[in-house]
């Protein structure tokens, strides 16, 4: 999965540069705009969801939510740090 994301990232960067090349250094402005637009859509709808799934697949979402228990743990942790500084 990680290699796929890296490969897709570099492929999309290359297509973005190709789009800018066609846009500014060629007479075919419409083709450059299409390359840029398809690249942006691929980043938003393909690369970003793959990346987010890869980063969050083995995590527990409840560890990152602000529940009463987690707020109490944060208070105890910060009070413990204050006591150690004194």
PDB file of N, CA and C in Angstrom:
ATOM      1  N   UNK A   1       0.834  -1.187   0.000  1.00  0.00           N
ATOM      2  CA  UNK A   1       0.000   0.000   0.000  1.00  0.00           C
ATOM      3  C   UNK A   1       0.878   1.251   0.000  1.00  0.00           C
ATOM      4  N   UNK A   2       1.937   1.231   0.801  1.00  0.00           N
ATOM      5  CA  UNK A   2       2.800   2.398   0.903  1.00  0.00           C
ATOM      6  C   UNK A   2       3.488   2.675  -0.434  1.00  0.00           C
ATOM      7  N   UNK A   3       3.947   1.614  -1.092  1.00  0.00           N
ATOM      8  CA  UNK A   3       4.618   1.792  -2.384  1.00  0.00           C
ATOM      9  C   UNK A   3       3.646   2.299  -3.444  1.00  0.00           C
ATOM     10  N   UNK A   4       2.409   1.835  -3.390  1.00  0.00           N
ATOM     11  CA  UNK A   4       1.392   2.313  -4.323  1.00  0.00           C
ATOM     12  C   UNK A   4       1.138   3.805  -4.137  1.00  0.00           C
ATOM     13  N   UNK A   5       1.055   4.247  -2.897  1.00  0.00           N
ATOM     14  CA  UNK A   5       0.820   5.663  -2.607  1.00  0.00           C
ATOM     15  C   UNK A   5       1.995   6.514  -3.083  1.00  0.00           C
ATOM     16  N   UNK A   6       3.212   6.043  -2.843  1.00  0.00           N
ATOM     17  CA  UNK A   6       4.395   6.790  -3.285  1.00  0.00           C
ATOM     18  C   UNK A   6       4.459   6.847  -4.808  1.00  0.00           C
ATOM     19  N   UNK A   7       4.199   5.711  -5.466  1.00  0.00           N
ATOM     20  CA  UNK A   7       4.205   5.676  -6.927  1.00  0.00           C
ATOM     21  C   UNK A   7       3.144   6.606  -7.499  1.00  0.00           C
ATOM     22  N   UNK A   8       1.947   6.553  -6.944  1.00  0.00           N
ATOM     23  CA  UNK A   8       0.856   7.400  -7.409  1.00  0.00           C
ATOM     24  C   UNK A   8       1.177   8.883  -7.192  1.00  0.00           C
ATOM     25  N   UNK A   9       1.795   9.203  -6.069  1.00  0.00           N
ATOM     26  CA  UNK A   9       2.178  10.588  -5.797  1.00  0.00           C
ATOM     27  C   UNK A   9       3.137  11.114  -6.863  1.00  0.00           C
ATOM     28  N   UNK A  10       4.188  10.352  -7.140  1.00  0.00           N
ATOM     29  CA  UNK A  10       5.156  10.809  -8.131  1.00  0.00           C
ATOM     30  C   UNK A  10       4.557  10.855  -9.531  1.00  0.00           C
ATOM     31  N   UNK A  11       3.685   9.912  -9.843  1.00  0.00           N
ATOM     32  CA  UNK A  11       3.004   9.934 -11.133  1.00  0.00           C
ATOM     33  C   UNK A  11       2.137  11.186 -11.284  1.00  0.00           C
ATOM     34  N   UNK A  12       1.440  11.547 -10.234  1.00  0.00           N
ATOM     35  CA  UNK A  12       0.593  12.740 -10.278  1.00  0.00           C
ATOM     36  C   UNK A  12       1.417  14.027 -10.319  1.00  0.00           C
ATOM     37  N   UNK A  13       2.550  14.041  -9.660  1.00  0.00           N
ATOM     38  CA  UNK A  13       3.433  15.216  -9.747  1.00  0.00           C
ATOM     39  C   UNK A  13       3.943  15.382 -11.169  1.00  0.00           C
ATOM     40  N   UNK A  14       4.309  14.258 -11.800  1.00  0.00           N
ATOM     41  CA  UNK A  14       4.787  14.333 -13.188  1.00  0.00           C
ATOM     42  C   UNK A  14       3.681  14.822 -14.113  1.00  0.00           C
ATOM     43  N   UNK A  15       2.461  14.298 -13.940  1.00  0.00           N
ATOM     44  CA  UNK A  15       1.371  14.752 -14.807  1.00  0.00           C
ATOM     45  C   UNK A  15       1.030  16.230 -14.557  1.00  0.00           C
ATOM     46  N   UNK A  16       1.206  16.684 -13.345  1.00  0.00           N
ATOM     47  CA  UNK A  16       0.993  18.103 -13.072  1.00  0.00           C
ATOM     48  C   UNK A  16       2.012  18.955 -13.818  1.00  0.00           C
ATOM     49  N   UNK A  17       3.290  18.545 -13.793  1.00  0.00           N
ATOM     50  CA  UNK A  17       4.306  19.289 -14.528  1.00  0.00           C
ATOM     51  C   UNK A  17       4.076  19.216 -16.032  1.00  0.00           C
ATOM     52  N   UNK A  18       3.599  18.076 -16.533  1.00  0.00           N
ATOM     53  CA  UNK A  18       3.274  17.968 -17.955  1.00  0.00           C
ATOM     54  C   UNK A  18       2.153  18.938 -18.305  1.00  0.00           C
ATOM     55  N   UNK A  19       1.159  19.027 -17.430  1.00  0.00           N
ATOM     56  CA  UNK A  19       0.073  19.966 -17.655  1.00  0.00           C
ATOM     57  C   UNK A  19       0.550  21.404 -17.701  1.00  0.00           C
ATOM     58  N   UNK A  20       1.440  21.766 -16.773  1.00  0.00           N
ATOM     59  CA  UNK A  20       1.974  23.133 -16.790  1.00  0.00           C
ATOM     60  C   UNK A  20       2.854  23.370 -18.020  1.00  0.00           C
ATOM     61  N   UNK A  21       3.558  22.328 -18.462  1.00  0.00           N
ATOM     62  CA  UNK A  21       4.363  22.462 -19.673  1.00  0.00           C
ATOM     63  C   UNK A  21       3.468  22.761 -20.869  1.00  0.00           C
ATOM     64  N   UNK A  22       2.405  21.973 -21.035  1.00  0.00           N
ATOM     65  CA  UNK A  22       1.487  22.226 -22.145  1.00  0.00           C
ATOM     66  C   UNK A  22       0.801  23.578 -22.001  1.00  0.00           C
ATOM     67  N   UNK A  23       0.540  23.979 -20.802  1.00  0.00           N
ATOM     68  CA  UNK A  23      -0.178  25.244 -20.563  1.00  0.00           C
ATOM     69  C   UNK A  23       0.683  26.458 -20.933  1.00  0.00           C
ATOM     70  N   UNK A  24       1.953  26.440 -20.563  1.00  0.00           N
ATOM     71  CA  UNK A  24       2.772  27.642 -20.712  1.00  0.00           C
ATOM     72  C   UNK A  24       3.805  27.582 -21.835  1.00  0.00           C
ATOM     73  N   UNK A  25       4.211  26.393 -22.252  1.00  0.00           N
ATOM     74  CA  UNK A  25       5.272  26.312 -23.257  1.00  0.00           C
ATOM     75  C   UNK A  25       4.806  25.697 -24.565  1.00  0.00           C
ATOM     76  N   UNK A  26       3.536  25.434 -24.706  1.00  0.00           N
ATOM     77  CA  UNK A  26       3.006  24.848 -25.925  1.00  0.00           C
ATOM     78  C   UNK A  26       1.800  25.665 -26.367  1.00  0.00           C
ATOM     79  N   UNK A  27       1.363  25.410 -27.558  1.00  0.00           N
ATOM     80  CA  UNK A  27       0.201  26.140 -28.064  1.00  0.00           C
ATOM     81  C   UNK A  27      -1.111  25.507 -27.626  1.00  0.00           C
ATOM     82  N   UNK A  28      -1.047  24.352 -27.006  1.00  0.00           N
ATOM     83  CA  UNK A  28      -2.266  23.625 -26.633  1.00  0.00           C
ATOM     84  C   UNK A  28      -2.612  23.892 -25.164  1.00  0.00           C
ATOM     85  N   UNK A  29      -3.233  25.041 -24.918  1.00  0.00           N
ATOM     86  CA  UNK A  29      -3.575  25.448 -23.549  1.00  0.00           C
ATOM     87  C   UNK A  29      -4.668  24.561 -22.965  1.00  0.00           C
ATOM     88  N   UNK A  30      -5.624  24.151 -23.784  1.00  0.00           N
ATOM     89  CA  UNK A  30      -6.743  23.340 -23.301  1.00  0.00           C
ATOM     90  C   UNK A  30      -6.246  21.984 -22.811  1.00  0.00           C
ATOM     91  N   UNK A  31      -5.306  21.377 -23.529  1.00  0.00           N
ATOM     92  CA  UNK A  31      -4.762  20.087 -23.092  1.00  0.00           C
ATOM     93  C   UNK A  31      -4.031  20.234 -21.759  1.00  0.00           C
ATOM     94  N   UNK A  32      -3.303  21.322 -21.586  1.00  0.00           N
ATOM     95  CA  UNK A  32      -2.625  21.571 -20.314  1.00  0.00           C
ATOM     96  C   UNK A  32      -3.609  21.725 -19.172  1.00  0.00           C
ATOM     97  N   UNK A  33      -4.681  22.461 -19.426  1.00  0.00           N
ATOM     98  CA  UNK A  33      -5.713  22.623 -18.394  1.00  0.00           C
ATOM     99  C   UNK A  33      -6.363  21.286 -18.040  1.00  0.00           C
ATOM    100  N   UNK A  34      -6.564  20.440 -19.038  1.00  0.00           N
ATOM    101  CA  UNK A  34      -7.146  19.119 -18.769  1.00  0.00           C
ATOM    102  C   UNK A  34      -6.213  18.262 -17.931  1.00  0.00           C
ATOM    103  N   UNK A  35      -4.911  18.267 -18.259  1.00  0.00           N
ATOM    104  CA  UNK A  35      -3.946  17.511 -17.452  1.00  0.00           C
ATOM    105  C   UNK A  35      -3.958  18.004 -16.004  1.00  0.00           C
ATOM    106  N   UNK A  36      -3.938  19.296 -15.820  1.00  0.00           N
ATOM    107  CA  UNK A  36      -3.930  19.869 -14.470  1.00  0.00           C
ATOM    108  C   UNK A  36      -5.210  19.516 -13.727  1.00  0.00           C
ATOM    109  N   UNK A  37      -6.353  19.636 -14.388  1.00  0.00           N
ATOM    110  CA  UNK A  37      -7.634  19.334 -13.751  1.00  0.00           C
ATOM    111  C   UNK A  37      -7.775  17.873 -13.366  1.00  0.00           C
ATOM    112  N   UNK A  38      -7.387  16.977 -14.274  1.00  0.00           N
ATOM    113  CA  UNK A  38      -7.470  15.543 -13.960  1.00  0.00           C
ATOM    114  C   UNK A  38      -6.504  15.189 -12.832  1.00  0.00           C
ATOM    115  N   UNK A  39      -5.347  15.815 -12.818  1.00  0.00           N
ATOM    116  CA  UNK A  39      -4.385  15.557 -11.744  1.00  0.00           C
ATOM    117  C   UNK A  39      -4.944  15.999 -10.393  1.00  0.00           C
ATOM    118  N   UNK A  40      -5.537  17.158 -10.331  1.00  0.00           N
ATOM    119  CA  UNK A  40      -6.116  17.651  -9.078  1.00  0.00           C
ATOM    120  C   UNK A  40      -7.253  16.737  -8.620  1.00  0.00           C
ATOM    121  N   UNK A  41      -8.103  16.315  -9.550  1.00  0.00           N
ATOM    122  CA  UNK A  41      -9.189  15.399  -9.192  1.00  0.00           C
ATOM    123  C   UNK A  41      -8.650  14.062  -8.686  1.00  0.00           C
ATOM    124  N   UNK A  42      -7.584  13.557  -9.316  1.00  0.00           N
ATOM    125  CA  UNK A  42      -6.994  12.293  -8.872  1.00  0.00           C
ATOM    126  C   UNK A  42      -6.380  12.429  -7.479  1.00  0.00           C
ATOM    127  N   UNK A  43      -5.773  13.572  -7.204  1.00  0.00           N
ATOM    128  CA  UNK A  43      -5.209  13.793  -5.867  1.00  0.00           C
ATOM    129  C   UNK A  43      -6.321  13.810  -4.823  1.00  0.00           C
ATOM    130  N   UNK A  44      -7.417  14.489  -5.146  1.00  0.00           N
ATOM    131  CA  UNK A  44      -8.499  14.636  -4.170  1.00  0.00           C
ATOM    132  C   UNK A  44      -9.261  13.337  -3.958  1.00  0.00           C
ATOM    133  N   UNK A  45      -9.604  12.642  -5.056  1.00  0.00           N
ATOM    134  CA  UNK A  45     -10.502  11.499  -4.944  1.00  0.00           C
ATOM    135  C   UNK A  45      -9.807  10.139  -4.927  1.00  0.00           C
ATOM    136  N   UNK A  46      -8.509  10.074  -5.214  1.00  0.00           N
ATOM    137  CA  UNK A  46      -7.809   8.786  -5.210  1.00  0.00           C
ATOM    138  C   UNK A  46      -6.671   8.787  -4.189  1.00  0.00           C
ATOM    139  N   UNK A  47      -5.744   9.722  -4.347  1.00  0.00           N
ATOM    140  CA  UNK A  47      -4.552   9.712  -3.493  1.00  0.00           C
ATOM    141  C   UNK A  47      -4.874  10.025  -2.033  1.00  0.00           C
ATOM    142  N   UNK A  48      -5.664  11.050  -1.782  1.00  0.00           N
ATOM    143  CA  UNK A  48      -5.967  11.438  -0.404  1.00  0.00           C
ATOM    144  C   UNK A  48      -6.726  10.342   0.359  1.00  0.00           C
ATOM    145  N   UNK A  49      -7.777   9.735  -0.207  1.00  0.00           N
ATOM    146  CA  UNK A  49      -8.430   8.644   0.534  1.00  0.00           C
ATOM    147  C   UNK A  49      -7.522   7.441   0.779  1.00  0.00           C
ATOM    148  N   UNK A  50      -6.679   7.097  -0.209  1.00  0.00           N
ATOM    149  CA  UNK A  50      -5.735   5.996   0.009  1.00  0.00           C
ATOM    150  C   UNK A  50      -4.769   6.320   1.138  1.00  0.00           C
ATOM    151  N   UNK A  51      -4.264   7.543   1.150  1.00  0.00           N
ATOM    152  CA  UNK A  51      -3.336   7.961   2.204  1.00  0.00           C
ATOM    153  C   UNK A  51      -4.012   7.941   3.573  1.00  0.00           C
ATOM    154  N   UNK A  52      -5.209   8.483   3.655  1.00  0.00           N
ATOM    155  CA  UNK A  52      -5.913   8.510   4.940  1.00  0.00           C
ATOM    156  C   UNK A  52      -6.239   7.107   5.437  1.00  0.00           C
ATOM    157  N   UNK A  53      -6.659   6.228   4.536  1.00  0.00           N
ATOM    158  CA  UNK A  53      -6.929   4.844   4.937  1.00  0.00           C
ATOM    159  C   UNK A  53      -5.654   4.171   5.439  1.00  0.00           C
ATOM    160  N   UNK A  54      -4.551   4.392   4.731  1.00  0.00           N
ATOM    161  CA  UNK A  54      -3.281   3.786   5.123  1.00  0.00           C
ATOM    162  C   UNK A  54      -2.831   4.266   6.506  1.00  0.00           C
ATOM    163  N   UNK A  55      -3.019   5.547   6.802  1.00  0.00           N
ATOM    164  CA  UNK A  55      -2.562   6.085   8.081  1.00  0.00           C
ATOM    165  C   UNK A  55      -3.477   5.730   9.252  1.00  0.00           C
ATOM    166  N   UNK A  56      -4.764   5.479   9.000  1.00  0.00           N
ATOM    167  CA  UNK A  56      -5.715   5.266  10.084  1.00  0.00           C
ATOM    168  C   UNK A  56      -6.205   3.835  10.211  1.00  0.00           C
ATOM    169  N   UNK A  57      -5.709   2.874   9.433  1.00  0.00           N
ATOM    170  CA  UNK A  57      -6.316   1.549   9.406  1.00  0.00           C
ATOM    171  C   UNK A  57      -6.151   0.764  10.707  1.00  0.00           C
ATOM    172  N   UNK A  58      -5.131   0.992  11.493  1.00  0.00           N
ATOM    173  CA  UNK A  58      -4.933   0.240  12.741  1.00  0.00           C
ATOM    174  C   UNK A  58      -5.061   1.120  13.978  1.00  0.00           C
ATOM    175  N   UNK A  59      -5.771   2.198  13.860  1.00  0.00           N
ATOM    176  CA  UNK A  59      -5.915   3.119  14.989  1.00  0.00           C
ATOM    177  C   UNK A  59      -7.313   3.032  15.573  1.00  0.00           C
ATOM    178  N   UNK A  60      -7.418   3.362  16.846  1.00  0.00           N
ATOM    179  CA  UNK A  60      -8.701   3.416  17.520  1.00  0.00           C
ATOM    180  C   UNK A  60      -9.135   4.882  17.577  1.00  0.00           C
ATOM    181  N   UNK A  61     -10.240   5.179  16.953  1.00  0.00           N
ATOM    182  CA  UNK A  61     -10.708   6.561  16.858  1.00  0.00           C
ATOM    183  C   UNK A  61     -11.075   7.111  18.230  1.00  0.00           C
ATOM    184  N   UNK A  62     -11.506   6.261  19.134  1.00  0.00           N
ATOM    185  CA  UNK A  62     -11.924   6.720  20.463  1.00  0.00           C
ATOM    186  C   UNK A  62     -10.750   7.275  21.276  1.00  0.00           C
ATOM    187  N   UNK A  63      -9.535   6.899  20.926  1.00  0.00           N
ATOM    188  CA  UNK A  63      -8.372   7.461  21.621  1.00  0.00           C
ATOM    189  C   UNK A  63      -8.186   8.947  21.309  1.00  0.00           C
ATOM    190  N   UNK A  64      -8.730   9.403  20.193  1.00  0.00           N
ATOM    191  CA  UNK A  64      -8.538  10.789  19.769  1.00  0.00           C
ATOM    192  C   UNK A  64      -9.764  11.665  20.001  1.00  0.00           C
ATOM    193  N   UNK A  65     -10.812  11.103  20.563  1.00  0.00           N
ATOM    194  CA  UNK A  65     -12.036  11.864  20.820  1.00  0.00           C
ATOM    195  C   UNK A  65     -11.982  12.488  22.210  1.00  0.00           C
ATOM    196  N   UNK A  66     -12.612  13.627  22.376  1.00  0.00           N
ATOM    197  CA  UNK A  66     -12.642  14.288  23.675  1.00  0.00           C
ATOM    198  C   UNK A  66     -13.826  13.760  24.490  1.00  0.00           C
ATOM    199  N   UNK A  67     -13.570  12.680  25.185  1.00  0.00           N
ATOM    200  CA  UNK A  67     -14.572  12.148  26.098  1.00  0.00           C
ATOM    201  C   UNK A  67     -14.205  12.593  27.508  1.00  0.00           C
ATOM    202  N   UNK A  68     -15.099  12.363  28.440  1.00  0.00           N
ATOM    203  CA  UNK A  68     -14.833  12.767  29.815  1.00  0.00           C
ATOM    204  C   UNK A  68     -13.598  12.053  30.377  1.00  0.00           C
ATOM    205  N   UNK A  69     -13.448  10.771  30.054  1.00  0.00           N
ATOM    206  CA  UNK A  69     -12.278  10.024  30.527  1.00  0.00           C
ATOM    207  C   UNK A  69     -10.981  10.596  29.958  1.00  0.00           C
ATOM    208  N   UNK A  70     -10.970  10.917  28.672  1.00  0.00           N
ATOM    209  CA  UNK A  70      -9.751  11.459  28.067  1.00  0.00           C
ATOM    210  C   UNK A  70      -9.421  12.849  28.607  1.00  0.00           C
ATOM    211  N   UNK A  71     -10.424  13.647  28.896  1.00  0.00           N
ATOM    212  CA  UNK A  71     -10.188  14.970  29.475  1.00  0.00           C
ATOM    213  C   UNK A  71      -9.580  14.825  30.871  1.00  0.00           C
ATOM    214  N   UNK A  72     -10.091  13.868  31.642  1.00  0.00           N
ATOM    215  CA  UNK A  72      -9.514  13.633  32.978  1.00  0.00           C
ATOM    216  C   UNK A  72      -8.076  13.142  32.883  1.00  0.00           C
ATOM    217  N   UNK A  73      -7.776  12.281  31.905  1.00  0.00           N
ATOM    218  CA  UNK A  73      -6.401  11.810  31.711  1.00  0.00           C
ATOM    219  C   UNK A  73      -5.475  12.971  31.361  1.00  0.00           C
ATOM    220  N   UNK A  74      -5.940  13.888  30.512  1.00  0.00           N
ATOM    221  CA  UNK A  74      -5.119  15.041  30.135  1.00  0.00           C
ATOM    222  C   UNK A  74      -4.873  15.943  31.337  1.00  0.00           C
ATOM    223  N   UNK A  75      -5.882  16.132  32.174  1.00  0.00           N
ATOM    224  CA  UNK A  75      -5.699  16.967  33.367  1.00  0.00           C
ATOM    225  C   UNK A  75      -4.702  16.337  34.325  1.00  0.00           C
ATOM    226  N   UNK A  76      -4.830  15.018  34.540  1.00  0.00           N
ATOM    227  CA  UNK A  76      -3.882  14.332  35.420  1.00  0.00           C
ATOM    228  C   UNK A  76      -2.467  14.416  34.870  1.00  0.00           C
ATOM    229  N   UNK A  77      -2.325  14.270  33.572  1.00  0.00           N
ATOM    230  CA  UNK A  77      -1.002  14.345  32.950  1.00  0.00           C
ATOM    231  C   UNK A  77      -0.392  15.730  33.104  1.00  0.00           C
ATOM    232  N   UNK A  78      -1.195  16.774  32.871  1.00  0.00           N
ATOM    233  CA  UNK A  78      -0.655  18.135  32.981  1.00  0.00           C
ATOM    234  C   UNK A  78      -0.367  18.495  34.435  1.00  0.00           C
ATOM    235  N   UNK A  79      -1.172  18.004  35.377  1.00  0.00           N
ATOM    236  CA  UNK A  79      -0.894  18.258  36.788  1.00  0.00           C
ATOM    237  C   UNK A  79       0.366  17.540  37.223  1.00  0.00           C
ATOM    238  N   UNK A  80       0.596  16.354  36.697  1.00  0.00           N
ATOM    239  CA  UNK A  80       1.820  15.621  37.003  1.00  0.00           C
ATOM    240  C   UNK A  80       3.051  16.345  36.500  1.00  0.00           C
ATOM    241  N   UNK A  81       2.963  16.971  35.353  1.00  0.00           N
ATOM    242  CA  UNK A  81       4.080  17.740  34.810  1.00  0.00           C
ATOM    243  C   UNK A  81       4.357  18.980  35.668  1.00  0.00           C
ATOM    244  N   UNK A  82       3.270  19.626  36.148  1.00  0.00           N
ATOM    245  CA  UNK A  82       3.449  20.809  36.982  1.00  0.00           C
ATOM    246  C   UNK A  82       4.125  20.458  38.303  1.00  0.00           C
ATOM    247  N   UNK A  83       3.770  19.309  38.847  1.00  0.00           N
ATOM    248  CA  UNK A  83       4.373  18.882  40.117  1.00  0.00           C
ATOM    249  C   UNK A  83       5.861  18.578  39.939  1.00  0.00           C
ATOM    250  N   UNK A  84       6.237  18.005  38.821  1.00  0.00           N
ATOM    251  CA  UNK A  84       7.639  17.664  38.577  1.00  0.00           C
ATOM    252  C   UNK A  84       8.493  18.901  38.377  1.00  0.00           C
ATOM    253  N   UNK A  85       7.928  19.980  37.839  1.00  0.00           N
ATOM    254  CA  UNK A  85       8.680  21.214  37.609  1.00  0.00           C
ATOM    255  C   UNK A  85       8.985  21.928  38.913  1.00  0.00           C
ATOM    256  N   UNK A  86       8.131  21.776  39.919  1.00  0.00           N
ATOM    257  CA  UNK A  86       8.332  22.508  41.185  1.00  0.00           C
ATOM    258  C   UNK A  86       9.398  21.914  41.973  1.00  0.00           C
TER     259      UNK A  86
END
